[in-house]
PDB file of N, CA and C in Angstrom:
ATOM      1  N   UNK A   1       7.234  17.353  23.342  1.00  0.00           N
ATOM      2  CA  UNK A   1       7.693  16.194  23.992  1.00  0.00           C
ATOM      3  C   UNK A   1       8.358  15.427  24.493  1.00  0.00           C
ATOM      4  N   UNK A   2       8.490  14.663  25.271  1.00  0.00           N
ATOM      5  CA  UNK A   2       9.393  14.604  26.023  1.00  0.00           C
ATOM      6  C   UNK A   2      10.201  13.685  24.913  1.00  0.00           C
ATOM      7  N   UNK A   3      11.509  13.302  24.926  1.00  0.00           N
ATOM      8  CA  UNK A   3      12.213  12.279  23.889  1.00  0.00           C
ATOM      9  C   UNK A   3      12.566  11.340  23.752  1.00  0.00           C
ATOM     10  N   UNK A   4      11.582  10.645  25.044  1.00  0.00           N
ATOM     11  CA  UNK A   4      12.035   9.385  25.403  1.00  0.00           C
ATOM     12  C   UNK A   4      10.513   8.446  24.276  1.00  0.00           C
ATOM     13  N   UNK A   5      10.330   9.222  23.554  1.00  0.00           N
ATOM     14  CA  UNK A   5       9.099   8.659  22.832  1.00  0.00           C
ATOM     15  C   UNK A   5       8.586   9.589  21.740  1.00  0.00           C
ATOM     16  N   UNK A   6       8.202   8.364  20.988  1.00  0.00           N
ATOM     17  CA  UNK A   6       7.904   9.233  19.244  1.00  0.00           C
ATOM     18  C   UNK A   6       6.733   8.409  18.488  1.00  0.00           C
ATOM     19  N   UNK A   7       5.794   9.810  18.156  1.00  0.00           N
ATOM     20  CA  UNK A   7       4.231   9.811  18.112  1.00  0.00           C
ATOM     21  C   UNK A   7       4.377   8.857  16.911  1.00  0.00           C
ATOM     22  N   UNK A   8       3.839   8.199  16.064  1.00  0.00           N
ATOM     23  CA  UNK A   8       3.784   7.510  14.556  1.00  0.00           C
ATOM     24  C   UNK A   8       2.628   7.953  14.291  1.00  0.00           C
ATOM     25  N   UNK A   9       2.164   8.508  13.082  1.00  0.00           N
ATOM     26  CA  UNK A   9       1.263   8.716  12.085  1.00  0.00           C
ATOM     27  C   UNK A   9       0.848   8.285  10.941  1.00  0.00           C
ATOM     28  N   UNK A  10       0.233   7.767  10.573  1.00  0.00           N
ATOM     29  CA  UNK A  10      -0.078   7.154   9.238  1.00  0.00           C
ATOM     30  C   UNK A  10      -1.595   7.666   8.718  1.00  0.00           C
ATOM     31  N   UNK A  11      -1.370   8.526   8.116  1.00  0.00           N
ATOM     32  CA  UNK A  11      -1.995  10.076   6.472  1.00  0.00           C
ATOM     33  C   UNK A  11      -2.669   9.114   5.832  1.00  0.00           C
ATOM     34  N   UNK A  12      -3.753   9.173   6.057  1.00  0.00           N
ATOM     35  CA  UNK A  12      -4.304   8.738   4.718  1.00  0.00           C
ATOM     36  C   UNK A  12      -5.687   9.627   4.498  1.00  0.00           C
ATOM     37  N   UNK A  13      -6.022   9.721   3.665  1.00  0.00           N
ATOM     38  CA  UNK A  13      -6.904  10.190   2.918  1.00  0.00           C
ATOM     39  C   UNK A  13      -8.498  10.352   3.981  1.00  0.00           C
ATOM     40  N   UNK A  14      -8.576   9.157   4.368  1.00  0.00           N
ATOM     41  CA  UNK A  14      -9.585   8.765   4.617  1.00  0.00           C
ATOM     42  C   UNK A  14      -9.728   8.504   6.600  1.00  0.00           C
ATOM     43  N   UNK A  15      -8.640   8.622   6.635  1.00  0.00           N
ATOM     44  CA  UNK A  15      -7.638   7.710   8.164  1.00  0.00           C
ATOM     45  C   UNK A  15      -6.494   7.928   8.746  1.00  0.00           C
ATOM     46  N   UNK A  16      -6.642   8.912   9.894  1.00  0.00           N
ATOM     47  CA  UNK A  16      -5.559   8.506  10.210  1.00  0.00           C
ATOM     48  C   UNK A  16      -5.322   7.570  11.667  1.00  0.00           C
ATOM     49  N   UNK A  17      -4.148   7.317  11.861  1.00  0.00           N
ATOM     50  CA  UNK A  17      -4.033   6.215  13.232  1.00  0.00           C
ATOM     51  C   UNK A  17      -2.605   6.930  13.957  1.00  0.00           C
ATOM     52  N   UNK A  18      -2.667   6.550  14.997  1.00  0.00           N
ATOM     53  CA  UNK A  18      -0.985   6.678  15.802  1.00  0.00           C
ATOM     54  C   UNK A  18      -0.452   6.027  16.260  1.00  0.00           C
ATOM     55  N   UNK A  19       0.233   5.979  17.007  1.00  0.00           N
ATOM     56  CA  UNK A  19       0.916   4.572  17.240  1.00  0.00           C
ATOM     57  C   UNK A  19       1.785   5.591  18.152  1.00  0.00           C
ATOM     58  N   UNK A  20       2.714   4.667  19.582  1.00  0.00           N
ATOM     59  CA  UNK A  20       4.089   5.130  20.347  1.00  0.00           C
ATOM     60  C   UNK A  20       4.702   4.125  20.080  1.00  0.00           C
ATOM     61  N   UNK A  21       6.320   4.332  19.571  1.00  0.00           N
ATOM     62  CA  UNK A  21       7.609   3.960  19.890  1.00  0.00           C
ATOM     63  C   UNK A  21       7.914   4.387  21.162  1.00  0.00           C
ATOM     64  N   UNK A  22       9.016   4.055  21.392  1.00  0.00           N
ATOM     65  CA  UNK A  22      10.428   4.147  22.269  1.00  0.00           C
ATOM     66  C   UNK A  22      11.688   4.089  21.637  1.00  0.00           C
ATOM     67  N   UNK A  23      11.656   5.427  22.637  1.00  0.00           N
ATOM     68  CA  UNK A  23      13.728   5.602  21.534  1.00  0.00           C
ATOM     69  C   UNK A  23      14.274   4.458  21.899  1.00  0.00           C
ATOM     70  N   UNK A  24      15.159   4.382  21.409  1.00  0.00           N
ATOM     71  CA  UNK A  24      16.200   3.478  21.381  1.00  0.00           C
ATOM     72  C   UNK A  24      17.811   3.584  21.452  1.00  0.00           C
ATOM     73  N   UNK A  25      18.498   4.230  21.362  1.00  0.00           N
ATOM     74  CA  UNK A  25      19.779   5.239  20.514  1.00  0.00           C
ATOM     75  C   UNK A  25      18.942   5.917  19.726  1.00  0.00           C
ATOM     76  N   UNK A  26      19.172   5.637  18.780  1.00  0.00           N
ATOM     77  CA  UNK A  26      18.703   6.095  17.142  1.00  0.00           C
ATOM     78  C   UNK A  26      17.781   5.012  16.571  1.00  0.00           C
ATOM     79  N   UNK A  27      17.160   4.570  17.283  1.00  0.00           N
ATOM     80  CA  UNK A  27      16.030   3.707  16.130  1.00  0.00           C
ATOM     81  C   UNK A  27      15.040   4.126  17.463  1.00  0.00           C
ATOM     82  N   UNK A  28      13.678   2.839  17.749  1.00  0.00           N
ATOM     83  CA  UNK A  28      12.455   3.325  18.073  1.00  0.00           C
ATOM     84  C   UNK A  28      11.950   1.928  18.099  1.00  0.00           C
ATOM     85  N   UNK A  29      11.608   1.063  19.280  1.00  0.00           N
ATOM     86  CA  UNK A  29      10.729   0.111  19.265  1.00  0.00           C
ATOM     87  C   UNK A  29       9.422   0.364  19.785  1.00  0.00           C
ATOM     88  N   UNK A  30       8.718  -0.190  18.684  1.00  0.00           N
ATOM     89  CA  UNK A  30       6.938  -0.069  18.488  1.00  0.00           C
ATOM     90  C   UNK A  30       6.421  -0.452  20.527  1.00  0.00           C
ATOM     91  N   UNK A  31       5.534   0.578  21.064  1.00  0.00           N
ATOM     92  CA  UNK A  31       5.327   0.220  22.556  1.00  0.00           C
ATOM     93  C   UNK A  31       3.215   0.112  22.268  1.00  0.00           C
ATOM     94  N   UNK A  32       3.064   0.474  21.183  1.00  0.00           N
ATOM     95  CA  UNK A  32       1.359  -0.145  20.779  1.00  0.00           C
ATOM     96  C   UNK A  32       1.168   0.177  19.455  1.00  0.00           C
ATOM     97  N   UNK A  33       0.307  -0.638  19.049  1.00  0.00           N
ATOM     98  CA  UNK A  33      -0.448  -1.190  17.856  1.00  0.00           C
ATOM     99  C   UNK A  33      -0.508   0.288  17.770  1.00  0.00           C
ATOM    100  N   UNK A  34      -1.703   0.370  16.000  1.00  0.00           N
ATOM    101  CA  UNK A  34      -2.111   2.069  15.866  1.00  0.00           C
ATOM    102  C   UNK A  34      -3.239   2.321  15.806  1.00  0.00           C
ATOM    103  N   UNK A  35      -3.722   2.571  16.321  1.00  0.00           N
ATOM    104  CA  UNK A  35      -5.004   3.364  16.861  1.00  0.00           C
ATOM    105  C   UNK A  35      -5.503   3.763  15.514  1.00  0.00           C
ATOM    106  N   UNK A  36      -6.223   4.216  15.129  1.00  0.00           N
ATOM    107  CA  UNK A  36      -7.644   5.090  13.401  1.00  0.00           C
ATOM    108  C   UNK A  36      -8.223   5.443  14.116  1.00  0.00           C
ATOM    109  N   UNK A  37      -8.529   6.397  13.670  1.00  0.00           N
ATOM    110  CA  UNK A  37      -9.280   7.845  13.869  1.00  0.00           C
ATOM    111  C   UNK A  37     -10.181   8.239  12.354  1.00  0.00           C
ATOM    112  N   UNK A  38     -11.185   8.118  12.180  1.00  0.00           N
ATOM    113  CA  UNK A  38     -12.282   8.239  12.990  1.00  0.00           C
ATOM    114  C   UNK A  38     -12.547   6.185  12.830  1.00  0.00           C
ATOM    115  N   UNK A  39     -12.337   5.246  12.616  1.00  0.00           N
ATOM    116  CA  UNK A  39     -12.967   4.096  12.624  1.00  0.00           C
ATOM    117  C   UNK A  39     -12.769   3.771  14.612  1.00  0.00           C
ATOM    118  N   UNK A  40     -12.656   4.206  15.327  1.00  0.00           N
ATOM    119  CA  UNK A  40     -12.380   4.398  16.816  1.00  0.00           C
ATOM    120  C   UNK A  40     -11.810   5.554  17.490  1.00  0.00           C
ATOM    121  N   UNK A  41     -12.141   6.058  18.099  1.00  0.00           N
ATOM    122  CA  UNK A  41     -12.163   7.118  19.328  1.00  0.00           C
ATOM    123  C   UNK A  41      -9.941   6.206  19.196  1.00  0.00           C
ATOM    124  N   UNK A  42      -9.435   6.582  18.224  1.00  0.00           N
ATOM    125  CA  UNK A  42      -8.541   6.788  18.652  1.00  0.00           C
ATOM    126  C   UNK A  42      -7.333   7.344  19.783  1.00  0.00           C
ATOM    127  N   UNK A  43      -7.924   8.432  20.180  1.00  0.00           N
ATOM    128  CA  UNK A  43      -7.300   9.215  21.671  1.00  0.00           C
ATOM    129  C   UNK A  43      -8.052   8.606  22.811  1.00  0.00           C
ATOM    130  N   UNK A  44      -8.883   7.952  23.551  1.00  0.00           N
ATOM    131  CA  UNK A  44      -9.463   6.853  23.914  1.00  0.00           C
ATOM    132  C   UNK A  44      -8.462   5.634  24.574  1.00  0.00           C
ATOM    133  N   UNK A  45      -8.018   5.334  22.753  1.00  0.00           N
ATOM    134  CA  UNK A  45      -7.715   4.094  23.293  1.00  0.00           C
ATOM    135  C   UNK A  45      -5.824   3.862  22.788  1.00  0.00           C
ATOM    136  N   UNK A  46      -5.293   5.474  23.038  1.00  0.00           N
ATOM    137  CA  UNK A  46      -3.875   5.383  23.699  1.00  0.00           C
ATOM    138  C   UNK A  46      -3.982   6.037  25.011  1.00  0.00           C
ATOM    139  N   UNK A  47      -4.722   6.642  25.830  1.00  0.00           N
ATOM    140  CA  UNK A  47      -5.398   6.461  26.810  1.00  0.00           C
ATOM    141  C   UNK A  47      -5.014   5.419  27.933  1.00  0.00           C
ATOM    142  N   UNK A  48      -6.153   4.793  27.068  1.00  0.00           N
ATOM    143  CA  UNK A  48      -6.314   3.431  27.944  1.00  0.00           C
ATOM    144  C   UNK A  48      -4.791   3.155  27.740  1.00  0.00           C
ATOM    145  N   UNK A  49      -4.094   2.780  27.213  1.00  0.00           N
ATOM    146  CA  UNK A  49      -3.034   1.995  26.908  1.00  0.00           C
ATOM    147  C   UNK A  49      -2.155   2.867  27.623  1.00  0.00           C
ATOM    148  N   UNK A  50      -1.571   3.616  27.864  1.00  0.00           N
ATOM    149  CA  UNK A  50      -0.588   4.184  28.635  1.00  0.00           C
ATOM    150  C   UNK A  50      -1.047   4.188  29.957  1.00  0.00           C
ATOM    151  N   UNK A  51      -2.505   4.139  30.738  1.00  0.00           N
ATOM    152  CA  UNK A  51      -2.643   3.884  32.286  1.00  0.00           C
ATOM    153  C   UNK A  51      -1.752   2.698  32.536  1.00  0.00           C
ATOM    154  N   UNK A  52      -2.507   1.320  31.283  1.00  0.00           N
ATOM    155  CA  UNK A  52      -1.760   0.173  31.709  1.00  0.00           C
ATOM    156  C   UNK A  52       0.441   0.293  32.136  1.00  0.00           C
ATOM    157  N   UNK A  53       0.881   1.309  31.392  1.00  0.00           N
ATOM    158  CA  UNK A  53       2.594   1.286  31.480  1.00  0.00           C
ATOM    159  C   UNK A  53       2.890   2.182  32.706  1.00  0.00           C
ATOM    160  N   UNK A  54       3.208   1.702  33.796  1.00  0.00           N
ATOM    161  CA  UNK A  54       2.885   2.992  35.370  1.00  0.00           C
ATOM    162  C   UNK A  54       4.316   2.807  34.764  1.00  0.00           C
ATOM    163  N   UNK A  55       5.480   2.811  33.359  1.00  0.00           N
ATOM    164  CA  UNK A  55       6.324   3.337  33.570  1.00  0.00           C
ATOM    165  C   UNK A  55       6.859   4.560  32.953  1.00  0.00           C
ATOM    166  N   UNK A  56       5.645   4.685  32.269  1.00  0.00           N
ATOM    167  CA  UNK A  56       5.126   6.062  32.110  1.00  0.00           C
ATOM    168  C   UNK A  56       4.396   7.111  32.483  1.00  0.00           C
ATOM    169  N   UNK A  57       5.395   7.753  33.517  1.00  0.00           N
ATOM    170  CA  UNK A  57       4.752   8.541  33.786  1.00  0.00           C
ATOM    171  C   UNK A  57       3.324   9.884  33.737  1.00  0.00           C
ATOM    172  N   UNK A  58       2.234  10.069  34.312  1.00  0.00           N
ATOM    173  CA  UNK A  58       1.331  10.721  34.298  1.00  0.00           C
ATOM    174  C   UNK A  58       1.670  11.877  33.620  1.00  0.00           C
ATOM    175  N   UNK A  59       2.751  12.339  33.512  1.00  0.00           N
ATOM    176  CA  UNK A  59       2.889  14.092  33.043  1.00  0.00           C
ATOM    177  C   UNK A  59       3.247  13.618  31.673  1.00  0.00           C
ATOM    178  N   UNK A  60       4.091  12.696  31.386  1.00  0.00           N
ATOM    179  CA  UNK A  60       4.350  12.426  30.373  1.00  0.00           C
ATOM    180  C   UNK A  60       3.778  11.470  29.409  1.00  0.00           C
ATOM    181  N   UNK A  61       2.529  11.210  29.605  1.00  0.00           N
ATOM    182  CA  UNK A  61       1.443  10.898  28.791  1.00  0.00           C
ATOM    183  C   UNK A  61       0.339  12.129  28.917  1.00  0.00           C
ATOM    184  N   UNK A  62      -0.181  13.249  29.543  1.00  0.00           N
ATOM    185  CA  UNK A  62      -0.585  14.290  29.288  1.00  0.00           C
ATOM    186  C   UNK A  62      -0.141  14.611  27.289  1.00  0.00           C
ATOM    187  N   UNK A  63       1.497  14.826  28.051  1.00  0.00           N
ATOM    188  CA  UNK A  63       1.795  15.610  26.852  1.00  0.00           C
ATOM    189  C   UNK A  63       1.511  14.814  25.240  1.00  0.00           C
ATOM    190  N   UNK A  64       2.014  13.737  25.478  1.00  0.00           N
ATOM    191  CA  UNK A  64       1.589  12.951  24.367  1.00  0.00           C
ATOM    192  C   UNK A  64       0.716  12.487  23.583  1.00  0.00           C
ATOM    193  N   UNK A  65      -0.704  12.962  24.657  1.00  0.00           N
ATOM    194  CA  UNK A  65      -1.943  13.248  24.906  1.00  0.00           C
ATOM    195  C   UNK A  65      -2.856  13.769  23.939  1.00  0.00           C
ATOM    196  N   UNK A  66      -1.615  14.951  24.198  1.00  0.00           N
ATOM    197  CA  UNK A  66      -2.105  16.631  23.630  1.00  0.00           C
ATOM    198  C   UNK A  66      -1.502  16.543  22.490  1.00  0.00           C
ATOM    199  N   UNK A  67      -0.947  15.645  22.431  1.00  0.00           N
ATOM    200  CA  UNK A  67      -0.045  15.703  20.167  1.00  0.00           C
ATOM    201  C   UNK A  67      -0.841  15.081  20.130  1.00  0.00           C
ATOM    202  N   UNK A  68      -0.781  14.040  20.130  1.00  0.00           N
ATOM    203  CA  UNK A  68      -1.832  13.054  19.294  1.00  0.00           C
ATOM    204  C   UNK A  68      -3.452  14.090  19.087  1.00  0.00           C
ATOM    205  N   UNK A  69      -3.873  15.218  19.684  1.00  0.00           N
ATOM    206  CA  UNK A  69      -4.795  15.468  19.687  1.00  0.00           C
ATOM    207  C   UNK A  69      -5.016  17.038  18.786  1.00  0.00           C
ATOM    208  N   UNK A  70      -4.230  17.469  18.549  1.00  0.00           N
ATOM    209  CA  UNK A  70      -3.249  18.315  17.814  1.00  0.00           C
ATOM    210  C   UNK A  70      -3.210  17.964  16.680  1.00  0.00           C
ATOM    211  N   UNK A  71      -2.870  16.871  16.325  1.00  0.00           N
ATOM    212  CA  UNK A  71      -2.512  16.015  15.165  1.00  0.00           C
ATOM    213  C   UNK A  71      -4.298  16.029  14.692  1.00  0.00           C
ATOM    214  N   UNK A  72      -4.618  14.997  14.838  1.00  0.00           N
ATOM    215  CA  UNK A  72      -5.764  14.693  15.138  1.00  0.00           C
ATOM    216  C   UNK A  72      -6.562  15.760  14.193  1.00  0.00           C
ATOM    217  N   UNK A  73      -6.900  17.113  14.946  1.00  0.00           N
ATOM    218  CA  UNK A  73      -7.319  17.671  14.837  1.00  0.00           C
ATOM    219  C   UNK A  73      -6.762  19.161  13.719  1.00  0.00           C
ATOM    220  N   UNK A  74      -5.570  18.831  13.430  1.00  0.00           N
ATOM    221  CA  UNK A  74      -4.792  19.288  12.764  1.00  0.00           C
ATOM    222  C   UNK A  74      -5.354  18.528  10.969  1.00  0.00           C
ATOM    223  N   UNK A  75      -5.765  17.454  11.222  1.00  0.00           N
ATOM    224  CA  UNK A  75      -5.668  15.905  10.124  1.00  0.00           C
ATOM    225  C   UNK A  75      -7.810  16.336   9.568  1.00  0.00           C
ATOM    226  N   UNK A  76      -8.382  16.575  10.837  1.00  0.00           N
ATOM    227  CA  UNK A  76      -9.399  17.069  10.767  1.00  0.00           C
ATOM    228  C   UNK A  76     -10.236  18.505   9.460  1.00  0.00           C
ATOM    229  N   UNK A  77      -9.216  19.523  10.058  1.00  0.00           N
ATOM    230  CA  UNK A  77      -9.285  20.128   9.583  1.00  0.00           C
ATOM    231  C   UNK A  77      -9.645  20.361   8.297  1.00  0.00           C
ATOM    232  N   UNK A  78      -8.826  19.810   7.653  1.00  0.00           N
ATOM    233  CA  UNK A  78      -8.077  19.474   5.953  1.00  0.00           C
ATOM    234  C   UNK A  78      -9.480  18.724   5.448  1.00  0.00           C
ATOM    235  N   UNK A  79      -9.986  19.088   4.472  1.00  0.00           N
ATOM    236  CA  UNK A  79     -10.965  18.780   3.278  1.00  0.00           C
ATOM    237  C   UNK A  79     -10.088  17.004   3.347  1.00  0.00           C
ATOM    238  N   UNK A  80     -11.231  16.184   2.926  1.00  0.00           N
ATOM    239  CA  UNK A  80     -10.218  14.783   2.029  1.00  0.00           C
ATOM    240  C   UNK A  80      -9.814  14.683   1.389  1.00  0.00           C
ATOM    241  N   UNK A  81     -10.371  15.623   0.205  1.00  0.00           N
ATOM    242  CA  UNK A  81     -10.121  15.774  -1.088  1.00  0.00           C
ATOM    243  C   UNK A  81      -7.840  16.632  -0.977  1.00  0.00           C
ATOM    244  N   UNK A  82      -7.860  17.863   0.267  1.00  0.00           N
ATOM    245  CA  UNK A  82      -6.668  18.407   0.125  1.00  0.00           C
ATOM    246  C   UNK A  82      -5.410  17.411   1.661  1.00  0.00           C
ATOM    247  N   UNK A  83      -6.138  16.845   1.738  1.00  0.00           N
ATOM    248  CA  UNK A  83      -5.571  15.801   2.705  1.00  0.00           C
ATOM    249  C   UNK A  83      -4.040  15.010   3.158  1.00  0.00           C
ATOM    250  N   UNK A  84      -4.271  15.145   1.332  1.00  0.00           N
ATOM    251  CA  UNK A  84      -3.193  14.147   0.213  1.00  0.00           C
ATOM    252  C   UNK A  84      -1.912  15.088   0.638  1.00  0.00           C
ATOM    253  N   UNK A  85      -2.336  16.391   0.202  1.00  0.00           N
ATOM    254  CA  UNK A  85      -1.319  17.468   0.064  1.00  0.00           C
ATOM    255  C   UNK A  85      -1.394  18.611   1.198  1.00  0.00           C
ATOM    256  N   UNK A  86      -1.684  17.729   2.419  1.00  0.00           N
ATOM    257  CA  UNK A  86      -1.487  18.687   3.890  1.00  0.00           C
ATOM    258  C   UNK A  86      -0.300  17.790   4.526  1.00  0.00           C
ATOM    259  N   UNK A  87      -0.179  16.406   3.535  1.00  0.00           N
ATOM    260  CA  UNK A  87       1.023  15.805   3.942  1.00  0.00           C
ATOM    261  C   UNK A  87       2.368  16.151   4.996  1.00  0.00           C
ATOM    262  N   UNK A  88       2.973  17.209   3.960  1.00  0.00           N
ATOM    263  CA  UNK A  88       4.592  17.627   3.684  1.00  0.00           C
ATOM    264  C   UNK A  88       4.169  18.838   5.244  1.00  0.00           C
ATOM    265  N   UNK A  89       3.068  19.628   5.300  1.00  0.00           N
ATOM    266  CA  UNK A  89       2.876  21.002   6.177  1.00  0.00           C
ATOM    267  C   UNK A  89       2.662  19.816   7.556  1.00  0.00           C
ATOM    268  N   UNK A  90       1.915  18.963   7.894  1.00  0.00           N
ATOM    269  CA  UNK A  90       1.898  18.101   8.919  1.00  0.00           C
ATOM    270  C   UNK A  90       3.391  17.645   9.851  1.00  0.00           C
ATOM    271  N   UNK A  91       4.693  16.561   8.654  1.00  0.00           N
ATOM    272  CA  UNK A  91       5.230  16.538   8.976  1.00  0.00           C
ATOM    273  C   UNK A  91       6.084  17.523   9.551  1.00  0.00           C
ATOM    274  N   UNK A  92       5.922  19.337   8.659  1.00  0.00           N
ATOM    275  CA  UNK A  92       6.523  20.393   8.934  1.00  0.00           C
ATOM    276  C   UNK A  92       5.976  20.979  10.896  1.00  0.00           C
ATOM    277  N   UNK A  93       4.902  20.384  10.561  1.00  0.00           N
ATOM    278  CA  UNK A  93       4.163  21.454  11.554  1.00  0.00           C
ATOM    279  C   UNK A  93       4.454  20.788  12.926  1.00  0.00           C
ATOM    280  N   UNK A  94       4.011  19.656  12.874  1.00  0.00           N
ATOM    281  CA  UNK A  94       4.984  18.460  13.989  1.00  0.00           C
ATOM    282  C   UNK A  94       6.544  17.766  13.727  1.00  0.00           C
ATOM    283  N   UNK A  95       7.042  18.511  13.680  1.00  0.00           N
ATOM    284  CA  UNK A  95       8.367  17.482  13.265  1.00  0.00           C
ATOM    285  C   UNK A  95       8.750  16.812  14.359  1.00  0.00           C
ATOM    286  N   UNK A  96       7.898  16.564  15.668  1.00  0.00           N
ATOM    287  CA  UNK A  96       8.653  16.009  17.054  1.00  0.00           C
ATOM    288  C   UNK A  96       8.037  14.609  16.804  1.00  0.00           C
ATOM    289  N   UNK A  97       7.346  14.289  14.983  1.00  0.00           N
ATOM    290  CA  UNK A  97       6.364  13.233  15.550  1.00  0.00           C
ATOM    291  C   UNK A  97       7.015  12.953  13.986  1.00  0.00           C
ATOM    292  N   UNK A  98       6.247  11.870  13.604  1.00  0.00           N
ATOM    293  CA  UNK A  98       7.575  11.147  12.608  1.00  0.00           C
ATOM    294  C   UNK A  98       5.897  10.160  12.050  1.00  0.00           C
ATOM    295  N   UNK A  99       5.994  10.732  10.426  1.00  0.00           N
ATOM    296  CA  UNK A  99       4.640  10.490   9.470  1.00  0.00           C
ATOM    297  C   UNK A  99       4.404   9.595   8.591  1.00  0.00           C
ATOM    298  N   UNK A 100       3.913   9.059   8.169  1.00  0.00           N
ATOM    299  CA  UNK A 100       3.495   7.576   7.122  1.00  0.00           C
ATOM    300  C   UNK A 100       2.609   8.114   6.411  1.00  0.00           C
ATOM    301  N   UNK A 101       2.758   8.069   5.052  1.00  0.00           N
ATOM    302  CA  UNK A 101       1.637   8.487   4.538  1.00  0.00           C
ATOM    303  C   UNK A 101       2.555   7.971   2.310  1.00  0.00           C
ATOM    304  N   UNK A 102       1.358   9.760   2.270  1.00  0.00           N
ATOM    305  CA  UNK A 102       1.483   9.937   0.336  1.00  0.00           C
ATOM    306  C   UNK A 102       1.530  11.287   0.404  1.00  0.00           C
ATOM    307  N   UNK A 103       2.779  12.005  -0.092  1.00  0.00           N
ATOM    308  CA  UNK A 103       3.049  13.649  -0.083  1.00  0.00           C
ATOM    309  C   UNK A 103       2.111  13.912  -1.484  1.00  0.00           C
TER     310      UNK A 103
END
């Protein structure tokens, strides 16, 4: 994933949420709000938000959306009762993303 951006995920048992930050030095600044799956179509909301931002290239958007897909799919593959246990595995598997939740 491009190193200019950071996908942040809120990892919960019944929901997963994603937002996008822009990296600024060793910190990050929010670009989007959190989009919650399955409450809404988080992927589609992120896609629409990225389209509004002309300074984010199409290739960067594709990489970011592909990463969102991978993480959401990983979350969906876990049963609700195991999602809490898989929090650490998600952090390790997707080390270029930031995860907030309980492990």
